[in-house]
Protein backbone atom coordinates (compact mmCIF):
# COMPACT_ATOMS: atom_id res chain seq x y z
CA ASP A 1 74.80 -32.06 -38.02
CA TYR A 2 76.66 -31.28 -34.85
CA LYS A 3 73.71 -31.74 -32.50
CA GLY A 4 73.08 -35.20 -33.97
CA GLN A 5 76.74 -36.13 -33.51
CA LYS A 6 76.59 -35.00 -29.90
CA LEU A 7 73.42 -37.01 -29.30
CA ALA A 8 74.93 -40.12 -30.91
CA GLU A 9 78.07 -39.77 -28.76
CA GLN A 10 76.01 -39.39 -25.57
CA ILE A 11 73.87 -42.42 -26.41
CA PHE A 12 76.95 -44.49 -27.27
CA GLN A 13 78.78 -43.60 -24.06
CA GLY A 14 75.68 -44.02 -21.91
CA ILE A 15 74.95 -47.52 -23.19
CA ILE A 16 78.59 -48.58 -22.81
CA LEU A 17 78.73 -47.22 -19.26
CA VAL A 18 75.44 -48.82 -18.18
CA SER A 19 76.34 -52.18 -19.72
CA ALA A 20 79.79 -52.09 -18.07
CA VAL A 21 78.27 -51.43 -14.64
CA ILE A 22 75.60 -54.10 -15.08
CA GLY A 23 78.15 -56.55 -16.45
CA PHE A 24 80.56 -55.93 -13.58
CA ILE A 25 77.86 -56.35 -10.94
CA TYR A 26 76.43 -59.49 -12.55
CA GLY A 27 79.91 -60.96 -13.08
CA TYR A 28 80.85 -60.20 -9.48
CA ILE A 29 77.69 -61.83 -8.11
CA THR A 30 78.03 -64.96 -10.25
CA GLU A 31 81.85 -64.95 -9.97
CA GLN A 32 82.11 -65.37 -13.73
CA PHE A 33 84.23 -62.81 -15.59
CA GLY A 34 82.93 -64.19 -18.89
CA TRP A 35 79.45 -62.83 -18.18
CA THR A 36 80.95 -59.39 -17.64
CA VAL A 37 82.58 -59.54 -21.05
CA TYR A 38 79.41 -60.85 -22.73
CA ILE A 39 77.25 -58.10 -21.25
CA VAL A 40 79.72 -55.35 -22.19
CA MET A 41 80.00 -56.74 -25.73
CA ALA A 42 76.19 -56.88 -26.02
CA GLY A 43 76.04 -53.24 -24.89
CA PHE A 44 78.68 -52.34 -27.46
CA ALA A 45 76.72 -54.09 -30.22
CA LEU A 46 73.48 -52.36 -29.16
CA SER A 47 75.15 -48.95 -29.06
CA CYS A 48 76.67 -49.51 -32.52
CA LEU A 49 73.24 -50.47 -33.87
CA LEU A 50 71.70 -47.32 -32.42
CA THR A 51 74.42 -44.81 -33.33
CA LEU A 52 76.22 -45.88 -36.52
CA PRO A 53 73.38 -45.82 -39.08
CA PRO A 54 72.19 -42.33 -40.08
CA TRP A 55 68.87 -42.48 -38.25
CA PRO A 56 66.49 -39.51 -38.77
CA MET A 57 66.83 -38.48 -35.11
CA TYR A 58 70.46 -37.54 -35.84
CA ARG A 59 69.58 -35.45 -38.92
CA ARG A 60 67.12 -32.95 -37.47
CA ASN A 61 69.41 -29.90 -37.74
CA PRO A 62 71.12 -29.98 -41.15
CA LEU A 63 73.94 -27.58 -41.86
CA LYS A 64 73.37 -24.82 -44.37
CA TRP A 65 76.12 -24.93 -46.97
CA LEU A 66 77.25 -22.01 -49.07
CA PRO A 67 76.15 -22.11 -52.70
CA VAL A 68 78.67 -23.22 -55.31
CA GLN A 69 80.50 -20.30 -56.90
CA GLU A 70 81.91 -20.52 -60.39
CA LEU A 71 85.46 -19.29 -60.89
CA GLY A 72 86.01 -16.46 -63.35
CA THR A 73 87.98 -17.16 -66.54
CA GLU A 74 91.07 -15.37 -65.21
CA GLU A 75 91.01 -17.34 -61.96
CA LYS A 76 90.40 -20.63 -63.80
CA LYS A 77 93.46 -20.16 -65.98
CA ALA A 78 95.60 -19.32 -62.95
CA ALA A 79 94.28 -22.34 -61.05
CA ASP A 80 94.90 -24.69 -64.01
CA ARG A 81 98.54 -23.67 -64.40
CA LYS A 82 101.06 -25.94 -62.79
CA PRO A 83 103.81 -24.34 -60.75
CA LYS A 84 107.18 -24.27 -62.45
CA ARG A 85 109.83 -26.54 -61.06
CA HIS A 86 113.35 -25.29 -60.80
CA SER A 87 115.93 -27.66 -62.16
CA LYS A 88 118.99 -28.46 -60.12
CA SER A 89 122.07 -26.82 -61.62
């Protein structure tokens, strides 16, 4: 559903942003750029774990689909016909 997609996107972006800020600050304090990368990658992994699987919290508002409609016999025959190709003369 669309609300679940929006929630997943907000969670994903929020975790990435928070981990980037924390990683930058920690890397700046320790003067180690590697820690910044590790923290951002850990935030990315956590956000993927929370947003990629179809958790029930993302499926609370399912879409209502239209029922399947059968084609009439006239429409079926017209849909089954292949368009004629014109030969090059």
